[in-house]
Structures are given as C-alpha cells and as structure tokens.
Amino acid sequence: MRKAYVDKDNCTSCNQCADNLPKYFMMDEDDLSQTHLAGSSINDAMIPDEDEKKVQKEMDECPGECIHWKKH
C-alpha cells in the first residue's frame, strides 16, 4: 500500500480524476482535486495494492501532472 496526494498548486480543476475514480479522488471547496479514503485521510489516502494501477492511470493521464505517490 502506498499513499497518494494531489499537488493542488498544479491542479487544473479538470475533474478528470474525481469523475474517473471517485473512490479515491474528490474536489474540494476551491474546485481542486484531493485524494481521500471514504471521505477521510484528505490528500493523504492510503491506496490498497489492488487499486494502485487505477490510481497510477489517473496520475499518468492528469493534465496538470499533479497527482503523486508520497515518498516515505
């Protein structure tokens, strides 16, 4: 399991990640993406191994290139 977060300074508010993978992404009150896990662990979501590829796909396709894995 790894943690994912969004660098909000580079988010383009395209909503792509939240639309494609709402289980782990949602938009905040400023219309910027953030990661979550069941509505908590905001922008600090632990991604189960079986869903890492799905999150990686969103990272790879993000127009703002703002979704990242946290380094331990």
Protein backbone atom coordinates (compact mmCIF):
# COMPACT_ATOMS: atom_id res chain seq x y z
CA MET A 1 0.00 0.00 0.00
CA ARG A 2 1.16 3.48 -0.88
CA LYS A 3 -0.18 6.94 -0.15
CA ALA A 4 -1.29 9.28 -2.90
CA TYR A 5 -1.77 13.05 -2.82
CA VAL A 6 -2.53 15.95 -5.14
CA ASP A 7 -0.22 18.95 -5.50
CA LYS A 8 -3.04 21.48 -5.52
CA ASP A 9 -0.79 24.25 -6.88
CA ASN A 10 -0.70 22.41 -10.21
CA CYS A 11 -4.29 21.13 -10.30
CA THR A 12 -6.22 22.38 -13.35
CA SER A 13 -9.66 21.64 -11.82
CA CYS A 14 -10.48 19.41 -14.78
CA ASN A 15 -12.36 16.96 -12.53
CA GLN A 16 -11.00 14.02 -14.55
CA CYS A 17 -9.67 12.04 -11.57
CA ALA A 18 -12.76 12.65 -9.44
CA ASP A 19 -15.01 11.62 -12.34
CA ASN A 20 -12.98 8.51 -13.20
CA LEU A 21 -12.08 7.32 -9.71
CA PRO A 22 -14.35 8.91 -7.07
CA LYS A 23 -13.38 6.16 -4.63
CA TYR A 24 -10.05 7.97 -4.13
CA PHE A 25 -10.43 11.48 -5.61
CA MET A 26 -12.82 14.34 -4.87
CA MET A 27 -12.92 18.06 -5.45
CA ASP A 28 -12.53 20.48 -2.55
CA GLU A 29 -14.39 23.75 -1.89
CA ASP A 30 -11.97 25.56 -4.25
CA ASP A 31 -12.66 23.03 -7.04
CA LEU A 32 -9.21 21.47 -6.68
CA SER A 33 -8.67 17.73 -6.55
CA GLN A 34 -7.62 15.89 -3.44
CA THR A 35 -7.25 12.25 -2.51
CA HIS A 36 -9.42 10.66 0.13
CA LEU A 37 -10.35 7.33 1.62
CA ALA A 38 -14.05 7.05 2.46
CA GLY A 39 -14.18 10.82 2.96
CA SER A 40 -11.27 10.93 5.39
CA SER A 41 -7.46 10.92 5.11
CA ILE A 42 -7.86 14.01 2.95
CA ASN A 43 -4.98 14.36 0.49
CA ASP A 44 -3.22 11.55 2.36
CA ALA A 45 -5.06 8.48 1.10
CA MET A 46 -3.59 5.03 1.54
CA ILE A 47 -4.23 3.13 -1.70
CA PRO A 48 -4.65 -0.65 -1.43
CA ASP A 49 -2.28 -2.68 -3.61
CA GLU A 50 -5.14 -3.92 -5.82
CA ASP A 51 -6.07 -0.32 -6.80
CA GLU A 52 -2.58 1.13 -7.29
CA LYS A 53 -2.76 0.61 -11.07
CA LYS A 54 -6.05 2.53 -11.26
CA VAL A 55 -4.57 5.46 -9.33
CA GLN A 56 -1.39 5.30 -11.42
CA LYS A 57 -3.53 5.58 -14.56
CA GLU A 58 -5.05 8.80 -13.21
CA MET A 59 -1.55 10.07 -12.41
CA ASP A 60 -0.38 9.30 -15.93
CA GLU A 61 -3.40 10.96 -17.57
CA CYS A 62 -3.63 14.02 -15.30
CA PRO A 63 -3.35 17.23 -17.41
CA GLY A 64 -1.74 19.09 -14.51
CA GLU A 65 0.63 16.22 -13.67
CA CYS A 66 -0.24 16.96 -10.04
CA ILE A 67 -1.07 13.52 -8.58
CA HIS A 68 1.86 11.82 -6.88
CA TRP A 69 2.85 8.97 -4.62
CA LYS A 70 4.13 10.09 -1.23
CA LYS A 71 7.72 9.26 -0.56
CA HIS A 72 8.21 7.58 2.81
